[in-house]
PDB file of N, CA and C in Angstrom:
ATOM      1  N   MET A   1       1.075  -0.988   0.226  1.00  0.00           N
ATOM      2  CA  MET A   1      -0.319   0.137  -0.324  1.00  0.00           C
ATOM      3  C   MET A   1       0.996   1.293  -0.160  1.00  0.00           C
ATOM      4  N   MET A   2       0.729   1.899  -0.678  1.00  0.00           N
ATOM      5  CA  MET A   2       1.636   3.347  -0.908  1.00  0.00           C
ATOM      6  C   MET A   2       0.357   4.480  -0.229  1.00  0.00           C
ATOM      7  N   SER A   3       1.375   4.912   0.613  1.00  0.00           N
ATOM      8  CA  SER A   3       1.164   6.370   1.193  1.00  0.00           C
ATOM      9  C   SER A   3       1.120   7.295   0.523  1.00  0.00           C
ATOM     10  N   ASN A   4       0.358   8.296   0.950  1.00  0.00           N
ATOM     11  CA  ASN A   4      -0.248   9.579   0.231  1.00  0.00           C
ATOM     12  C   ASN A   4       0.867  10.967   0.528  1.00  0.00           C
ATOM     13  N   GLN A   5       1.449  10.499   1.765  1.00  0.00           N
ATOM     14  CA  GLN A   5       2.439  11.309   2.047  1.00  0.00           C
ATOM     15  C   GLN A   5       3.651  11.645   1.627  1.00  0.00           C
ATOM     16  N   SER A   6       3.845  12.533   1.018  1.00  0.00           N
ATOM     17  CA  SER A   6       5.203  12.989   0.131  1.00  0.00           C
ATOM     18  C   SER A   6       6.348  12.459   1.152  1.00  0.00           C
ATOM     19  N   ALA A   7       7.408  12.342   0.747  1.00  0.00           N
ATOM     20  CA  ALA A   7       8.969  12.346   1.520  1.00  0.00           C
ATOM     21  C   ALA A   7       9.547  13.387   2.333  1.00  0.00           C
ATOM     22  N   THR A   8       9.120  14.304   1.673  1.00  0.00           N
ATOM     23  CA  THR A   8       9.633  15.923   1.955  1.00  0.00           C
ATOM     24  C   THR A   8       8.676  16.507   3.265  1.00  0.00           C
ATOM     25  N   ASP A   9       7.463  15.807   3.355  1.00  0.00           N
ATOM     26  CA  ASP A   9       6.291  16.220   3.923  1.00  0.00           C
ATOM     27  C   ASP A   9       7.262  16.263   5.286  1.00  0.00           C
ATOM     28  N   ILE A  10       6.157  17.344   6.352  1.00  0.00           N
ATOM     29  CA  ILE A  10       6.949  17.277   8.202  1.00  0.00           C
ATOM     30  C   ILE A  10       5.431  17.468   8.534  1.00  0.00           C
ATOM     31  N   ASP A  11       5.735  16.815   9.677  1.00  0.00           N
ATOM     32  CA  ASP A  11       4.602  17.059  10.799  1.00  0.00           C
ATOM     33  C   ASP A  11       4.573  18.878  11.493  1.00  0.00           C
ATOM     34  N   MET A  12       3.650  18.914  11.402  1.00  0.00           N
ATOM     35  CA  MET A  12       3.442  20.774  11.774  1.00  0.00           C
ATOM     36  C   MET A  12       2.247  20.847  12.770  1.00  0.00           C
ATOM     37  N   ILE A  13       2.306  22.138  14.006  1.00  0.00           N
ATOM     38  CA  ILE A  13       1.466  21.919  14.646  1.00  0.00           C
ATOM     39  C   ILE A  13       0.968  23.775  14.539  1.00  0.00           C
ATOM     40  N   ILE A  14      -0.475  23.661  14.701  1.00  0.00           N
ATOM     41  CA  ILE A  14      -1.090  24.846  14.036  1.00  0.00           C
ATOM     42  C   ILE A  14      -1.991  25.599  15.392  1.00  0.00           C
ATOM     43  N   SER A  15      -1.384  26.515  16.374  1.00  0.00           N
ATOM     44  CA  SER A  15      -1.934  27.372  17.194  1.00  0.00           C
ATOM     45  C   SER A  15      -3.066  27.908  16.656  1.00  0.00           C
ATOM     46  N   VAL A  16      -4.826  27.665  16.988  1.00  0.00           N
ATOM     47  CA  VAL A  16      -5.864  28.893  16.704  1.00  0.00           C
ATOM     48  C   VAL A  16      -5.966  30.006  18.209  1.00  0.00           C
ATOM     49  N   ASP A  17      -5.719  30.959  17.327  1.00  0.00           N
ATOM     50  CA  ASP A  17      -6.327  32.309  18.247  1.00  0.00           C
ATOM     51  C   ASP A  17      -7.380  31.928  19.284  1.00  0.00           C
ATOM     52  N   GLU A  18      -7.639  32.085  20.753  1.00  0.00           N
ATOM     53  CA  GLU A  18      -8.297  32.150  21.268  1.00  0.00           C
ATOM     54  C   GLU A  18      -9.831  32.847  20.985  1.00  0.00           C
ATOM     55  N   LYS A  19      -9.403  33.560  20.061  1.00  0.00           N
ATOM     56  CA  LYS A  19     -11.089  34.540  19.631  1.00  0.00           C
ATOM     57  C   LYS A  19     -11.589  33.395  18.660  1.00  0.00           C
ATOM     58  N   TYR A  20     -11.168  32.089  17.709  1.00  0.00           N
ATOM     59  CA  TYR A  20     -11.717  31.526  17.221  1.00  0.00           C
ATOM     60  C   TYR A  20     -11.472  30.165  17.183  1.00  0.00           C
ATOM     61  N   LEU A  21     -11.226  29.848  18.333  1.00  0.00           N
ATOM     62  CA  LEU A  21     -11.453  28.954  18.999  1.00  0.00           C
ATOM     63  C   LEU A  21     -13.269  27.916  18.829  1.00  0.00           C
ATOM     64  N   SER A  22     -13.989  28.513  18.433  1.00  0.00           N
ATOM     65  CA  SER A  22     -15.256  28.203  18.044  1.00  0.00           C
ATOM     66  C   SER A  22     -15.321  27.786  16.743  1.00  0.00           C
ATOM     67  N   GLN A  23     -14.317  27.714  15.849  1.00  0.00           N
ATOM     68  CA  GLN A  23     -14.352  27.870  14.754  1.00  0.00           C
ATOM     69  C   GLN A  23     -13.330  26.615  13.856  1.00  0.00           C
ATOM     70  N   LEU A  24     -12.713  25.724  15.176  1.00  0.00           N
ATOM     71  CA  LEU A  24     -11.880  25.275  14.794  1.00  0.00           C
ATOM     72  C   LEU A  24     -12.326  24.393  13.577  1.00  0.00           C
ATOM     73  N   ASP A  25     -13.092  23.749  13.683  1.00  0.00           N
ATOM     74  CA  ASP A  25     -13.688  23.034  11.939  1.00  0.00           C
ATOM     75  C   ASP A  25     -13.202  23.463  10.708  1.00  0.00           C
ATOM     76  N   LYS A  26     -13.560  25.188  10.905  1.00  0.00           N
ATOM     77  CA  LYS A  26     -13.570  25.714   9.379  1.00  0.00           C
ATOM     78  C   LYS A  26     -12.251  26.426   8.861  1.00  0.00           C
ATOM     79  N   ILE A  27     -11.312  26.417  10.829  1.00  0.00           N
ATOM     80  CA  ILE A  27      -9.729  26.450  10.200  1.00  0.00           C
ATOM     81  C   ILE A  27      -9.193  25.478   9.810  1.00  0.00           C
ATOM     82  N   ALA A  28      -9.905  23.968  10.395  1.00  0.00           N
ATOM     83  CA  ALA A  28      -8.795  23.033   9.514  1.00  0.00           C
ATOM     84  C   ALA A  28      -9.386  22.837   8.209  1.00  0.00           C
ATOM     85  N   GLU A  29     -10.581  23.129   7.588  1.00  0.00           N
ATOM     86  CA  GLU A  29     -11.298  23.046   6.400  1.00  0.00           C
ATOM     87  C   GLU A  29     -10.018  23.814   5.508  1.00  0.00           C
ATOM     88  N   ASN A  30      -9.862  24.977   5.959  1.00  0.00           N
ATOM     89  CA  ASN A  30      -9.085  26.139   5.535  1.00  0.00           C
ATOM     90  C   ASN A  30      -7.505  25.600   5.228  1.00  0.00           C
ATOM     91  N   LEU A  31      -7.233  25.217   6.226  1.00  0.00           N
ATOM     92  CA  LEU A  31      -5.684  24.687   6.519  1.00  0.00           C
ATOM     93  C   LEU A  31      -5.357  23.736   5.263  1.00  0.00           C
ATOM     94  N   ARG A  32      -6.993  22.423   5.047  1.00  0.00           N
ATOM     95  CA  ARG A  32      -6.717  21.175   4.101  1.00  0.00           C
ATOM     96  C   ARG A  32      -6.857  22.305   2.994  1.00  0.00           C
ATOM     97  N   SER A  33      -7.887  23.136   2.685  1.00  0.00           N
ATOM     98  CA  SER A  33      -7.379  23.696   1.262  1.00  0.00           C
ATOM     99  C   SER A  33      -6.270  24.202   0.618  1.00  0.00           C
ATOM    100  N   GLN A  34      -5.369  24.538   1.940  1.00  0.00           N
ATOM    101  CA  GLN A  34      -3.901  25.275   1.126  1.00  0.00           C
ATOM    102  C   GLN A  34      -2.667  23.666   1.729  1.00  0.00           C
ATOM    103  N   GLY A  35      -3.689  22.849   1.769  1.00  0.00           N
ATOM    104  CA  GLY A  35      -2.392  21.728   1.459  1.00  0.00           C
ATOM    105  C   GLY A  35      -2.407  20.869   2.416  1.00  0.00           C
ATOM    106  N   LEU A  36      -2.397  21.508   3.626  1.00  0.00           N
ATOM    107  CA  LEU A  36      -2.315  20.361   5.000  1.00  0.00           C
ATOM    108  C   LEU A  36      -3.416  19.182   4.858  1.00  0.00           C
ATOM    109  N   LYS A  37      -2.152  18.055   5.554  1.00  0.00           N
ATOM    110  CA  LYS A  37      -2.630  16.651   5.469  1.00  0.00           C
ATOM    111  C   LYS A  37      -3.240  16.016   6.929  1.00  0.00           C
ATOM    112  N   ASP A  38      -3.671  14.996   6.492  1.00  0.00           N
ATOM    113  CA  ASP A  38      -3.643  14.183   7.751  1.00  0.00           C
ATOM    114  C   ASP A  38      -4.351  15.116   8.838  1.00  0.00           C
ATOM    115  N   ILE A  39      -5.034  15.547   8.860  1.00  0.00           N
ATOM    116  CA  ILE A  39      -5.611  16.825   9.928  1.00  0.00           C
ATOM    117  C   ILE A  39      -6.100  16.324  10.617  1.00  0.00           C
ATOM    118  N   GLN A  40      -5.491  16.444  12.276  1.00  0.00           N
ATOM    119  CA  GLN A  40      -6.659  15.954  13.794  1.00  0.00           C
ATOM    120  C   GLN A  40      -6.562  17.280  14.181  1.00  0.00           C
ATOM    121  N   VAL A  41      -7.948  17.539  14.519  1.00  0.00           N
ATOM    122  CA  VAL A  41      -8.432  18.784  15.822  1.00  0.00           C
ATOM    123  C   VAL A  41      -8.339  18.484  16.856  1.00  0.00           C
ATOM    124  N   LEU A  42      -7.604  19.179  17.861  1.00  0.00           N
ATOM    125  CA  LEU A  42      -7.418  18.928  19.088  1.00  0.00           C
ATOM    126  C   LEU A  42      -8.632  20.128  19.665  1.00  0.00           C
ATOM    127  N   THR A  43      -9.547  20.035  20.059  1.00  0.00           N
ATOM    128  CA  THR A  43     -10.353  20.776  20.397  1.00  0.00           C
ATOM    129  C   THR A  43     -10.696  21.046  21.945  1.00  0.00           C
ATOM    130  N   GLY A  44      -9.858  20.618  22.898  1.00  0.00           N
ATOM    131  CA  GLY A  44      -9.671  20.647  24.487  1.00  0.00           C
ATOM    132  C   GLY A  44      -8.555  21.932  24.411  1.00  0.00           C
ATOM    133  N   VAL A  45      -7.732  21.711  23.339  1.00  0.00           N
ATOM    134  CA  VAL A  45      -6.210  22.531  23.446  1.00  0.00           C
ATOM    135  C   VAL A  45      -6.213  23.823  22.042  1.00  0.00           C
ATOM    136  N   GLY A  46      -7.099  23.673  21.435  1.00  0.00           N
ATOM    137  CA  GLY A  46      -7.288  24.845  20.283  1.00  0.00           C
ATOM    138  C   GLY A  46      -6.108  24.536  19.096  1.00  0.00           C
ATOM    139  N   VAL A  47      -5.769  23.178  19.113  1.00  0.00           N
ATOM    140  CA  VAL A  47      -4.829  23.172  18.219  1.00  0.00           C
ATOM    141  C   VAL A  47      -5.559  22.180  17.271  1.00  0.00           C
ATOM    142  N   ILE A  48      -4.606  22.179  15.773  1.00  0.00           N
ATOM    143  CA  ILE A  48      -4.885  21.201  14.640  1.00  0.00           C
ATOM    144  C   ILE A  48      -3.406  20.902  14.145  1.00  0.00           C
ATOM    145  N   THR A  49      -3.072  19.621  14.430  1.00  0.00           N
ATOM    146  CA  THR A  49      -1.935  19.183  13.751  1.00  0.00           C
ATOM    147  C   THR A  49      -2.249  18.203  12.336  1.00  0.00           C
ATOM    148  N   GLY A  50      -1.405  17.854  11.619  1.00  0.00           N
ATOM    149  CA  GLY A  50      -1.373  17.841  10.182  1.00  0.00           C
ATOM    150  C   GLY A  50      -0.342  17.579   9.619  1.00  0.00           C
ATOM    151  N   LYS A  51      -0.102  17.280   8.299  1.00  0.00           N
ATOM    152  CA  LYS A  51       1.325  17.313   7.622  1.00  0.00           C
ATOM    153  C   LYS A  51       1.155  17.806   6.495  1.00  0.00           C
ATOM    154  N   GLY A  52       2.698  18.345   5.774  1.00  0.00           N
ATOM    155  CA  GLY A  52       2.862  19.125   4.455  1.00  0.00           C
ATOM    156  C   GLY A  52       3.803  19.280   4.546  1.00  0.00           C
ATOM    157  N   HIS A  53       4.306  19.959   3.195  1.00  0.00           N
ATOM    158  CA  HIS A  53       5.510  20.533   2.727  1.00  0.00           C
ATOM    159  C   HIS A  53       6.078  21.547   3.656  1.00  0.00           C
ATOM    160  N   PRO A  54       7.132  21.692   4.196  1.00  0.00           N
ATOM    161  CA  PRO A  54       7.746  22.831   4.169  1.00  0.00           C
ATOM    162  C   PRO A  54       7.632  24.301   4.086  1.00  0.00           C
ATOM    163  N   ASP A  55       7.095  23.904   2.707  1.00  0.00           N
ATOM    164  CA  ASP A  55       6.899  25.506   1.724  1.00  0.00           C
ATOM    165  C   ASP A  55       5.313  26.162   2.234  1.00  0.00           C
ATOM    166  N   LEU A  56       4.697  25.234   2.819  1.00  0.00           N
ATOM    167  CA  LEU A  56       3.256  25.506   3.426  1.00  0.00           C
ATOM    168  C   LEU A  56       3.593  26.199   4.626  1.00  0.00           C
ATOM    169  N   LEU A  57       4.673  26.357   5.279  1.00  0.00           N
ATOM    170  CA  LEU A  57       4.540  26.866   6.632  1.00  0.00           C
ATOM    171  C   LEU A  57       3.497  28.613   6.413  1.00  0.00           C
ATOM    172  N   SER A  58       4.715  29.590   5.278  1.00  0.00           N
ATOM    173  CA  SER A  58       3.622  30.919   5.722  1.00  0.00           C
ATOM    174  C   SER A  58       2.576  31.054   5.356  1.00  0.00           C
ATOM    175  N   ALA A  59       1.699  29.835   4.099  1.00  0.00           N
ATOM    176  CA  ALA A  59       0.869  29.752   3.644  1.00  0.00           C
ATOM    177  C   ALA A  59      -0.404  29.227   4.649  1.00  0.00           C
ATOM    178  N   LEU A  60      -0.074  28.730   5.720  1.00  0.00           N
ATOM    179  CA  LEU A  60      -0.828  28.318   6.876  1.00  0.00           C
ATOM    180  C   LEU A  60      -0.986  29.279   7.317  1.00  0.00           C
ATOM    181  N   HIS A  61      -0.020  30.299   7.761  1.00  0.00           N
ATOM    182  CA  HIS A  61       0.028  31.262   8.766  1.00  0.00           C
ATOM    183  C   HIS A  61      -0.825  32.041   8.526  1.00  0.00           C
ATOM    184  N   GLN A  62      -1.264  32.225   7.383  1.00  0.00           N
ATOM    185  CA  GLN A  62      -1.868  33.599   6.921  1.00  0.00           C
ATOM    186  C   GLN A  62      -3.118  33.155   6.595  1.00  0.00           C
ATOM    187  N   VAL A  63      -3.701  31.873   7.112  1.00  0.00           N
ATOM    188  CA  VAL A  63      -4.991  31.628   7.318  1.00  0.00           C
ATOM    189  C   VAL A  63      -5.813  32.494   8.696  1.00  0.00           C
ATOM    190  N   ASN A  64      -7.096  32.643   8.244  1.00  0.00           N
ATOM    191  CA  ASN A  64      -7.260  33.208   9.386  1.00  0.00           C
ATOM    192  C   ASN A  64      -7.885  32.658  10.398  1.00  0.00           C
ATOM    193  N   GLY A  65      -7.165  33.210  11.963  1.00  0.00           N
ATOM    194  CA  GLY A  65      -7.559  32.317  12.860  1.00  0.00           C
ATOM    195  C   GLY A  65      -6.336  31.772  13.537  1.00  0.00           C
ATOM    196  N   VAL A  66      -5.420  31.343  12.442  1.00  0.00           N
ATOM    197  CA  VAL A  66      -4.167  31.062  13.155  1.00  0.00           C
ATOM    198  C   VAL A  66      -3.431  31.664  13.543  1.00  0.00           C
ATOM    199  N   ALA A  67      -2.761  31.248  15.148  1.00  0.00           N
ATOM    200  CA  ALA A  67      -2.175  32.478  16.057  1.00  0.00           C
ATOM    201  C   ALA A  67      -0.794  31.614  15.919  1.00  0.00           C
ATOM    202  N   ALA A  68      -0.230  30.393  15.459  1.00  0.00           N
ATOM    203  CA  ALA A  68       1.033  30.133  15.342  1.00  0.00           C
ATOM    204  C   ALA A  68       1.243  28.875  14.566  1.00  0.00           C
ATOM    205  N   VAL A  69       2.104  28.340  13.474  1.00  0.00           N
ATOM    206  CA  VAL A  69       2.356  27.378  12.880  1.00  0.00           C
ATOM    207  C   VAL A  69       3.810  27.094  13.233  1.00  0.00           C
ATOM    208  N   GLU A  70       3.823  25.613  13.822  1.00  0.00           N
ATOM    209  CA  GLU A  70       5.279  25.435  14.370  1.00  0.00           C
ATOM    210  C   GLU A  70       5.461  23.722  13.638  1.00  0.00           C
ATOM    211  N   THR A  71       6.851  23.569  13.532  1.00  0.00           N
ATOM    212  CA  THR A  71       7.295  21.879  12.752  1.00  0.00           C
ATOM    213  C   THR A  71       7.080  21.156  14.378  1.00  0.00           C
ATOM    214  N   ALA A  72       6.576  19.850  14.085  1.00  0.00           N
ATOM    215  CA  ALA A  72       6.666  19.277  15.318  1.00  0.00           C
ATOM    216  C   ALA A  72       8.308  18.576  15.147  1.00  0.00           C
ATOM    217  N   GLY A  73       8.656  18.570  16.582  1.00  0.00           N
ATOM    218  CA  GLY A  73       9.689  17.859  17.183  1.00  0.00           C
ATOM    219  C   GLY A  73       9.828  16.661  17.165  1.00  0.00           C
ATOM    220  N   THR A  74      11.138  15.569  17.178  1.00  0.00           N
ATOM    221  CA  THR A  74      11.149  14.105  17.315  1.00  0.00           C
ATOM    222  C   THR A  74      11.920  14.137  18.452  1.00  0.00           C
ATOM    223  N   VAL A  75      11.670  12.910  19.286  1.00  0.00           N
ATOM    224  CA  VAL A  75      11.847  12.402  20.216  1.00  0.00           C
ATOM    225  C   VAL A  75      12.426  11.354  20.260  1.00  0.00           C
ATOM    226  N   GLN A  76      13.696  11.310  20.767  1.00  0.00           N
ATOM    227  CA  GLN A  76      14.320   9.660  20.574  1.00  0.00           C
ATOM    228  C   GLN A  76      14.860   9.264  21.920  1.00  0.00           C
ATOM    229  N   ILE A  77      14.460   8.063  22.462  1.00  0.00           N
ATOM    230  CA  ILE A  77      14.572   7.305  23.455  1.00  0.00           C
ATOM    231  C   ILE A  77      15.774   6.430  23.918  1.00  0.00           C
ATOM    232  N   ALA A  78      16.653   6.729  24.493  1.00  0.00           N
ATOM    233  CA  ALA A  78      17.686   5.491  24.376  1.00  0.00           C
ATOM    234  C   ALA A  78      17.094   4.340  24.795  1.00  0.00           C
ATOM    235  N   PRO A  79      17.656   3.169  24.569  1.00  0.00           N
ATOM    236  CA  PRO A  79      16.776   1.898  24.550  1.00  0.00           C
ATOM    237  C   PRO A  79      17.286   1.462  26.106  1.00  0.00           C
ATOM    238  N   PRO A  80      16.313   0.921  26.752  1.00  0.00           N
ATOM    239  CA  PRO A  80      16.566  -0.075  28.203  1.00  0.00           C
ATOM    240  C   PRO A  80      18.571  -0.142  28.185  1.00  0.00           C
ATOM    241  N   GLY A  81      19.243  -0.234  29.202  1.00  0.00           N
ATOM    242  CA  GLY A  81      20.154  -0.769  29.450  1.00  0.00           C
ATOM    243  C   GLY A  81      21.609   0.017  28.939  1.00  0.00           C
ATOM    244  N   SER A  82      21.302   1.331  27.977  1.00  0.00           N
ATOM    245  CA  SER A  82      21.976   1.719  27.069  1.00  0.00           C
ATOM    246  C   SER A  82      22.545   2.899  28.142  1.00  0.00           C
ATOM    247  N   ASP A  83      23.849   3.504  28.008  1.00  0.00           N
ATOM    248  CA  ASP A  83      25.424   4.492  28.699  1.00  0.00           C
ATOM    249  C   ASP A  83      23.834   5.762  29.128  1.00  0.00           C
ATOM    250  N   VAL A  84      23.183   6.060  28.124  1.00  0.00           N
ATOM    251  CA  VAL A  84      22.372   7.427  28.279  1.00  0.00           C
ATOM    252  C   VAL A  84      21.238   7.273  28.393  1.00  0.00           C
ATOM    253  N   GLN A  85      20.576   7.960  29.730  1.00  0.00           N
ATOM    254  CA  GLN A  85      19.161   7.634  30.234  1.00  0.00           C
ATOM    255  C   GLN A  85      18.654   9.278  30.603  1.00  0.00           C
TER     256      GLN A  85
END
């Protein structure tokens, strides 16, 4: 099965302005129309996550109601028994 995710897609975290929290679903649709994929709306915290090409960052920031757009970091944990814990 092939994934529709491009090899260059990155995870993104979009914070929604407090004044627009009642419009999370509409904002998510607007982000989708800009190219954001695999969208999840985290209603309780006013955050939308998704994947997209890094070139989308500035366009997503321009969507009405978006307070911030960030790339998601990754965390790696050393295996049990390793010297670094």
